[in-house]
Amino acid sequence: MGRLRDARAHTDALFSLIAPEALYDRAIPERHRLIFYLGHLEAFDWNLLGRGPFALDPHDASFDRLFAFGIDPTHGNLPSDRPADWPPQSVVRSYVEKCRRRLDDALHTRGSIRASTLGLADGTLLHVAIEHRLMHAETLAYLLHQLPYEKKRGIENAAPASVPPSSFAPKSVRIPSGTATLGQPRRNGDAISSHSAAAQFPFGWDNEFDETSVDVPEFAIDVYPVTNAQFLGFVRAGGYDQSTLWLPEDWRWKEECGLRHPFFWERSGNEWFWRGTFERIPLPADCPVYVSHAEASAYARWAGKSLPTEVQWHRAAYGTPQGPERLYPWGDAAPRPEFGNFDAAQWEPAPVGAHPAGASAFGVHDLLGNGWEWTRTPFGPLPGFEPFPFYPGYSADFFDGRHFVMKGGSARTAACFLRRPFRNWFQPRYPYVYATFRCVEA
């Protein structure tokens, strides 16, 4: 219950930064209006728990349906609803309060759990509710980022991260051949190694199972993510004007959008700026660039390299020269602020290399936090995949070859998602997410 209360407080704080009238804005064309997310978080919990194991009578079945599902920006046309199509925010907030009160009462008593329902007694459904909310906290952060400055109120930890100066210099390191372990084993009562993800992490989403080991040939990888300064070289070299660097569908998207530089950048004359969450500042040269998969892939081709595969990223992050893999790049210690820019401690990215304590055994930096990292691996099931019976479409709906695995985490990513087996994914032409990349070569 404590984790659920903390997660609620986190999302409540994000909504408090939005001017009331802006709740009916659509911050990103492909996404719902912000009012949807206010109701969605509670509707998800209610539909998962209240209508599931607790079998509670609905208090507003129409809202349970209205706020049930989000939008995947690759499917269908852009939403066309109007602000007047949505209920008043006072009514939505009343729905939120009732959902919370009734669920909390049921969680305290656990008096009406269906014996045939799996997941609540072992904590699975509560983990799902908490992590779903924390995922949306990051979504809310990048939606908030896109609101005009005058529609935000109050500033929560908006100052740049207090970190030591970076000693950044672009370079790569060779990673010897070895094994990468993806996913985690199912908990079936068998003995599990103390270095197994299942021994350390109490929960995993369906796409994190089963554990599988892959042999990875030797390769070289960038020590740091690509920075704004490096990507500016690509922009100045005409990278956005060379169709041969882009896949045909990526080129069409870029031309239709009129994109000539990263989405988070702005240009005024010969000067470049970073459009931050709460203010515009001169482009921070040594911070990681945030771009879509399409843009990252074009840069990699321009550099004569490629994006890493999921297993290459894992090998560089968790492998060791001695052989055994680590739980985190820095070792087996739980995430702490000195290891990276994550867990919503800051709003903006830090300079690359600013958290040397978080480097992997091979000396690769910034693997967790400061920006999700694109891979060139299409999102798909691991061997032995089984969808959650209570949420069958969570992963399976996206095993379509049109989404790519992302690893790592951003400044706004909750610490629980920094676990080794966690897998994120997005479609390649979505420029709003806090995503960066690094390159590899054979």
Protein backbone atom coordinates (compact mmCIF):
# COMPACT_ATOMS: atom_id res chain seq x y z
CA MET A 1 0.00 0.00 0.00
CA GLY A 2 2.89 2.34 0.73
CA ARG A 3 4.24 2.05 -2.82
CA LEU A 4 0.76 2.63 -4.26
CA ARG A 5 0.31 5.76 -2.12
CA ASP A 6 3.73 7.05 -3.24
CA ALA A 7 2.91 6.40 -6.89
CA ARG A 8 -0.41 8.24 -6.54
CA ALA A 9 1.33 11.19 -4.89
CA HIS A 10 3.80 11.31 -7.78
CA THR A 11 1.13 11.48 -10.48
CA ASP A 12 -0.96 13.90 -8.41
CA ALA A 13 2.05 16.23 -8.24
CA LEU A 14 2.39 16.13 -12.02
CA PHE A 15 -1.26 17.02 -12.57
CA SER A 16 -0.86 19.92 -10.13
CA LEU A 17 1.67 21.49 -12.53
CA ILE A 18 -0.96 21.81 -15.28
CA ALA A 19 -3.12 24.92 -15.35
CA PRO A 20 -6.75 23.76 -14.86
CA GLU A 21 -7.90 25.04 -18.24
CA ALA A 22 -5.06 23.15 -19.96
CA LEU A 23 -6.41 19.77 -18.82
CA TYR A 24 -8.55 19.82 -21.97
CA ASP A 25 -5.55 20.49 -24.23
CA ARG A 26 -4.03 17.84 -26.46
CA ALA A 27 -0.32 18.34 -25.76
CA ILE A 28 0.70 15.88 -28.50
CA PRO A 29 -1.50 15.38 -31.59
CA GLU A 30 -1.27 11.58 -31.43
CA ARG A 31 -2.33 11.36 -27.79
CA HIS A 32 -5.48 11.86 -25.73
CA ARG A 33 -6.33 15.16 -24.10
CA LEU A 34 -4.80 15.48 -20.66
CA ILE A 35 -8.15 15.03 -18.95
CA PHE A 36 -8.15 11.42 -20.17
CA TYR A 37 -5.04 10.58 -18.15
CA LEU A 38 -6.55 12.07 -15.00
CA GLY A 39 -9.31 9.48 -15.19
CA HIS A 40 -7.34 6.68 -16.84
CA LEU A 41 -4.99 5.94 -13.95
CA GLU A 42 -7.88 5.26 -11.57
CA ALA A 43 -10.01 3.50 -14.19
CA PHE A 44 -7.14 1.11 -14.87
CA ASP A 45 -6.77 0.29 -11.17
CA TRP A 46 -10.52 -0.08 -10.77
CA ASN A 47 -10.92 -2.34 -13.80
CA LEU A 48 -7.89 -4.42 -12.78
CA LEU A 49 -8.64 -4.78 -9.06
CA GLY A 50 -12.14 -3.55 -8.28
CA ARG A 51 -13.87 -5.44 -11.09
CA GLY A 52 -11.32 -8.27 -10.88
CA PRO A 53 -10.43 -10.00 -7.61
CA PHE A 54 -12.60 -7.76 -5.40
CA ALA A 55 -15.72 -8.08 -7.60
CA LEU A 56 -17.01 -4.68 -6.47
CA ASP A 57 -20.14 -3.17 -7.96
CA PRO A 58 -19.29 -0.27 -10.30
CA HIS A 59 -20.11 3.25 -9.20
CA ASP A 60 -19.78 4.67 -12.74
CA ALA A 61 -19.56 2.00 -15.43
CA SER A 62 -19.58 4.62 -18.20
CA PHE A 63 -16.37 6.19 -16.83
CA ASP A 64 -14.85 2.73 -16.37
CA ARG A 65 -15.20 2.34 -20.14
CA LEU A 66 -14.43 5.94 -21.16
CA PHE A 67 -11.09 6.02 -19.36
CA ALA A 68 -10.08 2.42 -19.98
CA PHE A 69 -7.80 2.59 -23.01
CA GLY A 70 -4.99 4.80 -24.26
CA ILE A 71 -3.87 5.44 -27.82
CA ASP A 72 -1.01 3.88 -29.76
CA PRO A 73 0.13 6.58 -32.22
CA THR A 74 0.77 4.03 -35.00
CA HIS A 75 -2.81 2.76 -35.13
CA GLY A 76 -5.61 4.57 -36.93
CA ASN A 77 -6.16 8.24 -37.56
CA LEU A 78 -5.34 11.07 -35.21
CA PRO A 79 -7.98 11.57 -32.49
CA SER A 80 -10.60 14.15 -33.42
CA ASP A 81 -12.62 14.62 -30.23
CA ARG A 82 -13.40 18.10 -28.87
CA PRO A 83 -12.94 19.40 -25.30
CA ALA A 84 -16.74 19.52 -24.93
CA ASP A 85 -16.87 15.75 -25.49
CA TRP A 86 -15.21 15.19 -22.11
CA PRO A 87 -16.86 15.49 -18.68
CA PRO A 88 -16.10 18.41 -16.33
CA GLN A 89 -12.90 17.93 -14.37
CA SER A 90 -14.78 18.19 -11.07
CA VAL A 91 -16.78 15.12 -12.07
CA VAL A 92 -13.64 13.27 -13.14
CA ARG A 93 -11.92 14.12 -9.86
CA SER A 94 -14.95 12.82 -7.95
CA TYR A 95 -14.68 9.56 -9.89
CA VAL A 96 -10.96 9.36 -9.02
CA GLU A 97 -11.67 9.90 -5.33
CA LYS A 98 -14.39 7.23 -5.23
CA CYS A 99 -12.20 4.69 -7.02
CA ARG A 100 -9.36 5.25 -4.59
CA ARG A 101 -11.53 5.12 -1.50
CA ARG A 102 -13.30 1.91 -2.44
CA LEU A 103 -10.11 0.18 -3.59
CA ASP A 104 -8.26 1.20 -0.44
CA ASP A 105 -11.07 -0.18 1.72
CA ALA A 106 -10.96 -3.46 -0.18
CA LEU A 107 -7.18 -3.68 -0.03
CA HIS A 108 -7.25 -3.17 3.72
CA THR A 109 -9.86 -5.83 4.32
CA ARG A 110 -9.18 -8.23 1.43
CA GLY A 111 -12.55 -9.64 2.35
CA SER A 112 -13.96 -10.33 -1.08
CA ILE A 113 -11.07 -11.82 -3.05
CA ARG A 114 -12.16 -14.44 -5.55
CA ALA A 115 -10.28 -17.66 -4.86
CA SER A 116 -10.11 -18.35 -8.59
CA THR A 117 -8.33 -15.08 -9.35
CA LEU A 118 -4.55 -15.34 -9.46
CA GLY A 119 -2.21 -12.47 -8.81
CA LEU A 120 -3.43 -10.45 -5.84
CA ALA A 121 -2.21 -12.70 -3.04
CA ASP A 122 1.34 -12.84 -4.45
CA GLY A 123 1.38 -9.13 -5.26
CA THR A 124 1.35 -9.41 -9.05
CA LEU A 125 -1.74 -7.28 -9.65
CA LEU A 126 -0.57 -4.60 -7.23
CA HIS A 127 2.79 -4.47 -9.01
CA VAL A 128 0.92 -4.10 -12.30
CA ALA A 129 -1.18 -1.23 -10.93
CA ILE A 130 1.85 0.57 -9.44
CA GLU A 131 4.15 0.16 -12.45
CA HIS A 132 1.38 1.09 -14.89
CA ARG A 133 0.92 4.33 -12.96
CA LEU A 134 4.66 5.03 -12.89
CA MET A 135 4.89 4.41 -16.64
CA HIS A 136 2.19 7.01 -17.13
CA ALA A 137 4.07 9.38 -14.83
CA GLU A 138 6.81 9.43 -17.46
CA THR A 139 4.24 9.82 -20.23
CA LEU A 140 2.76 12.76 -18.31
CA ALA A 141 6.23 14.29 -18.01
CA TYR A 142 6.78 14.38 -21.76
CA LEU A 143 3.19 15.51 -22.36
CA LEU A 144 3.75 18.32 -19.85
CA HIS A 145 6.99 19.11 -21.69
CA GLN A 146 4.99 19.91 -24.83
CA LEU A 147 2.55 22.32 -23.17
CA PRO A 148 3.24 26.03 -23.71
CA TYR A 149 5.12 27.49 -20.73
CA GLU A 150 2.21 29.74 -19.77
CA LYS A 151 -0.01 26.66 -19.24
CA LYS A 152 2.20 25.21 -16.52
CA ARG A 153 2.19 26.34 -12.92
CA GLY A 154 4.67 25.68 -10.16
CA ILE A 155 8.03 24.10 -10.74
CA GLU A 156 9.01 20.78 -9.18
CA ASN A 157 12.79 20.21 -9.17
CA ALA A 158 13.13 22.13 -12.42
CA ALA A 159 16.70 23.27 -11.82
CA PRO A 160 19.40 21.50 -13.86
CA ALA A 161 20.94 18.47 -12.20
CA SER A 162 23.76 19.28 -9.76
CA VAL A 163 26.53 17.11 -11.13
CA PRO A 164 30.32 17.44 -11.44
CA PRO A 165 31.66 18.65 -14.79
CA SER A 166 31.88 15.98 -17.46
CA SER A 167 35.23 14.92 -18.90
CA PHE A 168 33.47 13.87 -22.08
CA ALA A 169 35.40 12.94 -25.21
CA PRO A 170 33.77 10.77 -27.90
CA LYS A 171 35.30 7.30 -27.98
CA SER A 172 34.38 3.66 -28.25
CA VAL A 173 35.42 0.50 -26.45
CA ARG A 174 35.64 -3.08 -27.71
CA ILE A 175 33.42 -5.59 -25.98
CA PRO A 176 34.78 -9.17 -26.15
CA SER A 177 32.52 -11.98 -27.22
CA GLY A 178 30.41 -13.42 -24.43
CA THR A 179 26.92 -14.12 -23.19
CA ALA A 180 23.98 -11.76 -22.74
CA THR A 181 21.09 -12.86 -20.55
CA LEU A 182 17.70 -11.45 -21.48
CA GLY A 183 14.58 -11.73 -19.37
CA GLN A 184 14.17 -13.59 -16.11
CA PRO A 185 13.14 -17.12 -15.13
CA ARG A 186 9.66 -17.81 -13.88
CA ARG A 187 9.35 -18.33 -10.15
CA ASN A 188 8.38 -21.98 -9.84
CA GLY A 189 10.01 -22.93 -6.55
CA ASP A 190 13.28 -24.12 -8.05
CA ALA A 191 16.60 -22.86 -6.70
CA ILE A 192 17.63 -19.61 -8.39
CA SER A 193 21.11 -18.10 -8.58
CA SER A 194 21.61 -15.04 -6.38
CA HIS A 195 22.58 -13.11 -9.53
CA SER A 196 19.39 -14.10 -11.32
CA ALA A 197 16.91 -11.31 -11.94
CA ALA A 198 14.18 -13.45 -10.38
CA ALA A 199 16.11 -13.58 -7.11
CA GLN A 200 16.32 -9.78 -6.92
CA PHE A 201 13.21 -8.37 -8.58
CA PRO A 202 9.76 -9.33 -7.27
CA PHE A 203 7.91 -8.67 -10.51
CA GLY A 204 8.24 -8.73 -14.27
CA TRP A 205 5.90 -7.88 -17.16
CA ASP A 206 4.95 -10.70 -19.52
CA ASN A 207 7.60 -9.74 -22.11
CA GLU A 208 10.35 -10.21 -19.48
CA PHE A 209 9.86 -14.00 -19.49
CA ASP A 210 11.42 -16.49 -19.99
CA GLU A 211 15.10 -16.04 -19.29
CA THR A 212 17.26 -16.72 -22.33
CA SER A 213 21.03 -16.56 -22.92
CA VAL A 214 22.49 -15.44 -26.24
CA ASP A 215 26.07 -15.66 -27.49
CA VAL A 216 27.24 -12.22 -28.64
CA PRO A 217 30.25 -11.86 -30.98
CA GLU A 218 32.86 -9.19 -30.29
CA PHE A 219 31.89 -5.62 -31.21
CA ALA A 220 32.75 -1.99 -30.44
CA ILE A 221 30.31 0.43 -28.81
CA ASP A 222 30.32 4.14 -28.05
CA VAL A 223 31.31 4.81 -24.45
CA TYR A 224 28.75 7.65 -24.25
CA PRO A 225 25.41 8.34 -25.90
CA VAL A 226 25.52 10.67 -28.90
CA THR A 227 25.46 14.27 -27.70
CA ASN A 228 23.73 17.36 -29.01
CA ALA A 229 27.09 18.63 -30.27
CA GLN A 230 27.78 15.44 -32.21
CA PHE A 231 24.29 15.41 -33.69
CA LEU A 232 24.65 19.07 -34.67
CA GLY A 233 27.50 17.93 -36.90
CA PHE A 234 25.04 15.62 -38.68
CA VAL A 235 22.54 18.49 -39.06
CA ARG A 236 25.17 20.88 -40.43
CA ALA A 237 26.41 18.21 -42.84
CA GLY A 238 22.94 18.09 -44.40
CA GLY A 239 21.92 14.79 -42.84
CA TYR A 240 18.24 15.76 -42.96
CA ASP A 241 18.55 16.43 -46.70
CA GLN A 242 20.21 13.17 -47.79
CA SER A 243 17.53 10.59 -48.60
CA THR A 244 20.12 7.80 -48.89
CA LEU A 245 20.63 7.96 -45.10
CA TRP A 246 16.96 7.28 -44.36
CA LEU A 247 14.64 4.34 -44.85
CA PRO A 248 11.92 5.28 -47.38
CA GLU A 249 9.15 5.32 -44.76
CA ASP A 250 11.31 7.38 -42.39
CA TRP A 251 12.11 9.86 -45.15
CA ARG A 252 8.43 10.26 -46.03
CA TRP A 253 7.57 10.87 -42.39
CA LYS A 254 10.35 13.44 -42.00
CA GLU A 255 9.30 15.29 -45.15
CA GLU A 256 5.61 15.30 -44.20
CA CYS A 257 6.49 16.71 -40.77
CA GLY A 258 8.96 19.23 -42.19
CA LEU A 259 11.55 18.00 -39.68
CA ARG A 260 15.00 19.49 -40.18
CA HIS A 261 16.47 19.01 -36.71
CA PRO A 262 15.63 17.20 -33.46
CA PHE A 263 12.17 17.91 -32.12
CA PHE A 264 13.46 19.31 -28.80
CA TRP A 265 15.73 21.85 -30.54
CA GLU A 266 14.86 25.36 -31.68
CA ARG A 267 16.86 27.68 -33.92
CA SER A 268 17.07 31.46 -33.82
CA GLY A 269 19.38 32.79 -36.52
CA ASN A 270 22.68 30.97 -36.06
CA GLU A 271 21.95 29.99 -32.46
CA TRP A 272 20.50 26.71 -31.26
CA PHE A 273 18.39 26.20 -28.15
CA TRP A 274 17.05 23.35 -26.01
CA ARG A 275 13.31 23.60 -25.39
CA GLY A 276 13.22 22.35 -21.81
CA THR A 277 10.18 21.53 -19.73
CA PHE A 278 10.05 24.92 -17.99
CA GLU A 279 12.40 27.17 -19.96
CA ARG A 280 14.36 27.50 -23.18
CA ILE A 281 18.14 27.48 -22.76
CA PRO A 282 21.15 27.50 -25.09
CA LEU A 283 21.65 24.02 -26.53
CA PRO A 284 23.65 22.00 -23.94
CA ALA A 285 26.40 20.58 -26.14
CA ASP A 286 27.44 17.70 -23.87
CA CYS A 287 23.95 16.43 -23.04
CA PRO A 288 22.51 13.43 -24.92
CA VAL A 289 20.46 14.22 -27.99
CA TYR A 290 16.79 13.17 -27.87
CA VAL A 291 15.58 11.86 -31.23
CA SER A 292 13.29 9.30 -32.85
CA HIS A 293 14.52 5.89 -33.98
CA ALA A 294 14.31 7.14 -37.57
CA GLU A 295 16.70 10.02 -36.85
CA ALA A 296 19.04 7.87 -34.77
CA SER A 297 19.27 5.31 -37.58
CA ALA A 298 20.03 8.00 -40.16
CA TYR A 299 22.83 9.40 -37.97
CA ALA A 300 24.30 5.93 -37.49
CA ARG A 301 24.39 5.37 -41.27
CA TRP A 302 26.02 8.77 -41.73
CA ALA A 303 28.67 7.78 -39.17
CA GLY A 304 29.27 4.44 -40.90
CA LYS A 305 27.96 2.52 -37.89
CA SER A 306 24.65 1.10 -36.66
CA LEU A 307 22.42 1.07 -33.64
CA PRO A 308 23.15 -1.78 -31.20
CA THR A 309 21.00 -4.86 -31.02
CA GLU A 310 19.24 -5.59 -27.74
CA VAL A 311 21.78 -8.32 -26.90
CA GLN A 312 24.75 -6.08 -27.74
CA TRP A 313 23.39 -3.41 -25.42
CA HIS A 314 22.91 -6.02 -22.68
CA ARG A 315 26.41 -7.39 -23.13
CA ALA A 316 27.95 -3.91 -22.86
CA ALA A 317 25.77 -3.00 -19.88
CA TYR A 318 25.77 -6.10 -17.70
CA GLY A 319 28.65 -8.29 -18.89
CA THR A 320 32.06 -8.45 -17.25
CA PRO A 321 35.51 -9.44 -18.54
CA GLN A 322 35.50 -12.25 -15.96
CA GLY A 323 32.24 -13.75 -17.26
CA PRO A 324 29.47 -13.37 -14.63
CA GLU A 325 26.85 -10.75 -15.39
CA ARG A 326 25.88 -7.94 -13.04
CA LEU A 327 22.39 -6.97 -11.93
CA TYR A 328 23.11 -3.34 -12.90
CA PRO A 329 25.91 -1.84 -14.99
CA TRP A 330 27.74 -0.65 -11.84
CA GLY A 331 27.33 -3.92 -9.94
CA ASP A 332 24.66 -5.41 -7.73
CA ALA A 333 23.89 -2.40 -5.51
CA ALA A 334 20.40 -0.91 -5.81
CA PRO A 335 20.06 2.32 -7.85
CA ARG A 336 21.30 5.47 -6.08
CA PRO A 337 21.66 9.07 -7.33
CA GLU A 338 25.41 8.78 -7.88
CA PHE A 339 24.82 6.03 -10.44
CA GLY A 340 22.76 8.06 -12.88
CA ASN A 341 20.08 10.62 -13.71
CA PHE A 342 16.85 8.70 -13.06
CA ASP A 343 13.88 8.21 -10.71
CA ALA A 344 12.40 11.67 -11.45
CA ALA A 345 15.06 13.43 -9.37
CA GLN A 346 15.53 15.97 -12.19
CA TRP A 347 13.57 17.21 -15.17
CA GLU A 348 16.36 17.68 -17.71
CA PRO A 349 19.23 15.52 -18.98
CA ALA A 350 22.69 15.80 -17.45
CA PRO A 351 25.96 15.98 -19.42
CA VAL A 352 27.09 12.56 -20.58
CA GLY A 353 29.75 11.04 -18.36
CA ALA A 354 28.56 13.03 -15.34
CA HIS A 355 27.90 9.84 -13.32
CA PRO A 356 31.12 7.82 -13.61
CA ALA A 357 30.11 5.59 -10.67
CA GLY A 358 27.39 4.16 -12.91
CA ALA A 359 29.75 2.89 -15.63
CA SER A 360 29.67 -0.78 -16.62
CA ALA A 361 32.52 -3.25 -16.13
CA PHE A 362 33.66 -2.42 -19.69
CA GLY A 363 33.69 1.32 -19.01
CA VAL A 364 30.48 2.17 -20.87
CA HIS A 365 28.73 5.18 -19.29
CA ASP A 366 25.17 6.47 -18.90
CA LEU A 367 23.46 3.15 -19.54
CA LEU A 368 20.67 3.71 -17.01
CA GLY A 369 18.97 7.09 -16.87
CA ASN A 370 19.49 10.31 -18.85
CA GLY A 371 17.56 8.97 -21.86
CA TRP A 372 16.12 5.68 -23.09
CA GLU A 373 18.41 4.13 -25.71
CA TRP A 374 17.20 2.90 -29.06
CA THR A 375 18.24 -0.50 -30.34
CA ARG A 376 17.75 -1.91 -33.82
CA THR A 377 15.93 -4.98 -32.45
CA PRO A 378 12.20 -5.15 -33.26
CA PHE A 379 10.14 -5.71 -30.13
CA GLY A 380 9.10 -9.34 -29.92
CA PRO A 381 8.54 -12.19 -27.48
CA LEU A 382 11.30 -14.03 -25.67
CA PRO A 383 11.22 -17.85 -25.88
CA GLY A 384 8.47 -19.16 -23.61
CA PHE A 385 6.44 -15.94 -23.72
CA GLU A 386 2.96 -16.16 -22.19
CA PRO A 387 0.66 -13.11 -22.11
CA PHE A 388 -0.79 -12.03 -18.79
CA PRO A 389 -4.31 -13.52 -18.64
CA PHE A 390 -5.61 -10.32 -17.02
CA TYR A 391 -3.85 -8.02 -19.56
CA PRO A 392 -3.33 -10.11 -22.72
CA GLY A 393 -2.60 -7.18 -25.03
CA TYR A 394 0.03 -5.42 -22.93
CA SER A 395 2.94 -6.75 -25.03
CA ALA A 396 1.39 -9.01 -27.68
CA ASP A 397 -0.43 -6.14 -29.40
CA PHE A 398 2.98 -4.65 -30.25
CA PHE A 399 4.72 -7.76 -31.62
CA ASP A 400 4.10 -6.35 -35.09
CA GLY A 401 7.59 -5.56 -36.38
CA ARG A 402 6.78 -1.85 -36.19
CA HIS A 403 8.14 -1.16 -32.69
CA PHE A 404 11.74 -1.26 -31.48
CA VAL A 405 13.22 -2.25 -28.14
CA MET A 406 14.50 0.57 -25.94
CA LYS A 407 16.74 0.02 -22.94
CA GLY A 408 18.05 2.09 -20.07
CA GLY A 409 15.69 4.78 -18.81
CA SER A 410 15.38 8.56 -18.74
CA ALA A 411 15.63 11.19 -16.03
CA ARG A 412 11.90 10.67 -15.41
CA THR A 413 12.01 6.85 -15.26
CA ALA A 414 11.13 5.27 -11.91
CA ALA A 415 13.88 3.18 -10.31
CA CYS A 416 11.85 -0.04 -10.52
CA PHE A 417 12.17 0.03 -14.33
CA LEU A 418 15.97 0.01 -14.11
CA ARG A 419 15.92 -3.74 -13.48
CA ARG A 420 17.99 -5.75 -15.94
CA PRO A 421 15.15 -7.68 -17.63
CA PHE A 422 12.85 -4.68 -18.21
CA ARG A 423 12.13 -3.96 -21.89
CA ASN A 424 10.58 -0.77 -23.23
CA TRP A 425 9.49 -0.17 -26.82
CA PHE A 426 8.23 2.55 -29.14
CA GLN A 427 7.46 2.96 -32.80
CA PRO A 428 10.31 4.50 -34.83
CA ARG A 429 8.71 7.78 -35.86
CA TYR A 430 7.63 9.21 -32.53
CA PRO A 431 9.84 12.18 -31.57
CA TYR A 432 8.37 13.13 -28.18
CA VAL A 433 9.81 10.47 -25.90
CA TYR A 434 13.04 11.02 -23.94
CA ALA A 435 15.14 8.72 -26.14
CA THR A 436 18.77 8.90 -27.16
CA PHE A 437 21.18 6.36 -28.69
CA ARG A 438 24.74 5.22 -29.11
CA CYS A 439 26.38 3.45 -32.05
CA VAL A 440 28.18 0.14 -32.55
CA GLU A 441 30.44 -1.34 -35.19
CA ALA A 442 31.95 -4.79 -35.75
